[in-house]
Amino acid sequence: MPTAAAPARIPVGKIKSFGPFGPKYEVGQALRQLDDGDWMIEITMIETGEKAEYRWTYMCDDPEAH
């Protein structure tokens, strides 16, 4: 069974924020594809170092942090 490739343009290492004023996070690697075709991406919260999973489509809407 063929496997789908992860999104090609994951900005690994970029610092983004949840919306214009939200906490900052660093983008990590793709973890797995979901049934709806979206991907879960590993992120690391800048302030705490906590790792979490975040949907690719949500991350695409988040701005780069300044």
C-alpha atoms as a PDB file:
ATOM      1  CA  MET A   1       0.000   0.000   0.000  1.00  0.00           C
ATOM      2  CA  PRO A   2       1.534   3.377  -0.977  1.00  0.00           C
ATOM      3  CA  THR A   3       2.105   5.992   1.685  1.00  0.00           C
ATOM      4  CA  ALA A   4       1.386   9.669   1.194  1.00  0.00           C
ATOM      5  CA  ALA A   5       4.324  12.023   1.476  1.00  0.00           C
ATOM      6  CA  ALA A   6       4.277  14.724   4.134  1.00  0.00           C
ATOM      7  CA  PRO A   7       3.571  18.286   3.007  1.00  0.00           C
ATOM      8  CA  ALA A   8       6.648  19.466   1.123  1.00  0.00           C
ATOM      9  CA  ARG A   9       6.735  22.981   2.509  1.00  0.00           C
ATOM     10  CA  ILE A  10       6.847  22.417   6.263  1.00  0.00           C
ATOM     11  CA  PRO A  11       8.944  25.326   7.582  1.00  0.00           C
ATOM     12  CA  VAL A  12      10.897  23.233  10.112  1.00  0.00           C
ATOM     13  CA  GLY A  13      12.657  25.485  12.604  1.00  0.00           C
ATOM     14  CA  LYS A  14      10.475  28.546  11.913  1.00  0.00           C
ATOM     15  CA  ILE A  15       9.051  30.377  14.891  1.00  0.00           C
ATOM     16  CA  LYS A  16       5.330  31.040  14.545  1.00  0.00           C
ATOM     17  CA  SER A  17       2.612  32.208  16.901  1.00  0.00           C
ATOM     18  CA  PHE A  18      -0.979  31.200  17.513  1.00  0.00           C
ATOM     19  CA  GLY A  19      -2.591  34.199  15.852  1.00  0.00           C
ATOM     20  CA  PRO A  20      -1.064  37.679  15.949  1.00  0.00           C
ATOM     21  CA  PHE A  21      -0.760  37.844  19.755  1.00  0.00           C
ATOM     22  CA  GLY A  22      -0.620  34.204  20.872  1.00  0.00           C
ATOM     23  CA  PRO A  23       2.233  32.167  22.315  1.00  0.00           C
ATOM     24  CA  LYS A  24       5.193  31.367  20.091  1.00  0.00           C
ATOM     25  CA  TYR A  25       6.105  27.890  18.904  1.00  0.00           C
ATOM     26  CA  GLU A  26       8.819  26.277  16.784  1.00  0.00           C
ATOM     27  CA  VAL A  27       7.711  24.114  13.865  1.00  0.00           C
ATOM     28  CA  GLY A  28       8.977  20.525  13.872  1.00  0.00           C
ATOM     29  CA  GLN A  29       8.589  17.479  11.645  1.00  0.00           C
ATOM     30  CA  ALA A  30       5.446  15.932  10.209  1.00  0.00           C
ATOM     31  CA  LEU A  31       4.253  13.101  12.452  1.00  0.00           C
ATOM     32  CA  ARG A  32       1.377  11.402  10.660  1.00  0.00           C
ATOM     33  CA  GLN A  33      -1.357  11.914   8.133  1.00  0.00           C
ATOM     34  CA  LEU A  34      -4.938  12.049   9.386  1.00  0.00           C
ATOM     35  CA  ASP A  35      -7.938  10.350   7.817  1.00  0.00           C
ATOM     36  CA  ASP A  36      -9.119  13.686   6.357  1.00  0.00           C
ATOM     37  CA  GLY A  37      -5.789  14.161   4.539  1.00  0.00           C
ATOM     38  CA  ASP A  38      -4.435  16.792   6.948  1.00  0.00           C
ATOM     39  CA  TRP A  39      -1.148  16.207   8.810  1.00  0.00           C
ATOM     40  CA  MET A  40      -0.166  16.426  12.456  1.00  0.00           C
ATOM     41  CA  ILE A  41       3.029  18.424  12.925  1.00  0.00           C
ATOM     42  CA  GLU A  42       5.206  18.386  16.027  1.00  0.00           C
ATOM     43  CA  ILE A  43       5.619  21.830  17.575  1.00  0.00           C
ATOM     44  CA  THR A  44       7.647  23.015  20.565  1.00  0.00           C
ATOM     45  CA  MET A  45       6.346  25.844  22.723  1.00  0.00           C
ATOM     46  CA  ILE A  46       9.089  28.483  23.018  1.00  0.00           C
ATOM     47  CA  GLU A  47       8.383  29.601  26.595  1.00  0.00           C
ATOM     48  CA  THR A  48       8.029  26.157  28.176  1.00  0.00           C
ATOM     49  CA  GLY A  49       9.776  23.698  25.840  1.00  0.00           C
ATOM     50  CA  GLU A  50       6.620  21.586  25.855  1.00  0.00           C
ATOM     51  CA  LYS A  51       6.114  19.491  22.726  1.00  0.00           C
ATOM     52  CA  ALA A  52       2.667  19.152  21.189  1.00  0.00           C
ATOM     53  CA  GLU A  53       0.950  18.120  17.983  1.00  0.00           C
ATOM     54  CA  TYR A  54      -0.762  20.684  15.771  1.00  0.00           C
ATOM     55  CA  ARG A  55      -2.668  20.405  12.505  1.00  0.00           C
ATOM     56  CA  TRP A  56      -0.844  21.478   9.340  1.00  0.00           C
ATOM     57  CA  THR A  57      -3.869  23.441   8.068  1.00  0.00           C
ATOM     58  CA  TYR A  58      -4.050  25.456  11.315  1.00  0.00           C
ATOM     59  CA  MET A  59      -0.313  26.127  11.240  1.00  0.00           C
ATOM     60  CA  CYS A  60      -0.580  27.499   7.704  1.00  0.00           C
ATOM     61  CA  ASP A  61      -2.872  30.261   9.000  1.00  0.00           C
ATOM     62  CA  ASP A  62      -0.543  31.263  11.864  1.00  0.00           C
ATOM     63  CA  PRO A  63       1.827  34.211  11.320  1.00  0.00           C
ATOM     64  CA  GLU A  64       5.593  34.120  11.694  1.00  0.00           C
ATOM     65  CA  ALA A  65       6.490  35.432  15.147  1.00  0.00           C
ATOM     66  CA  HIS A  66       8.273  38.761  15.518  1.00  0.00           C
END
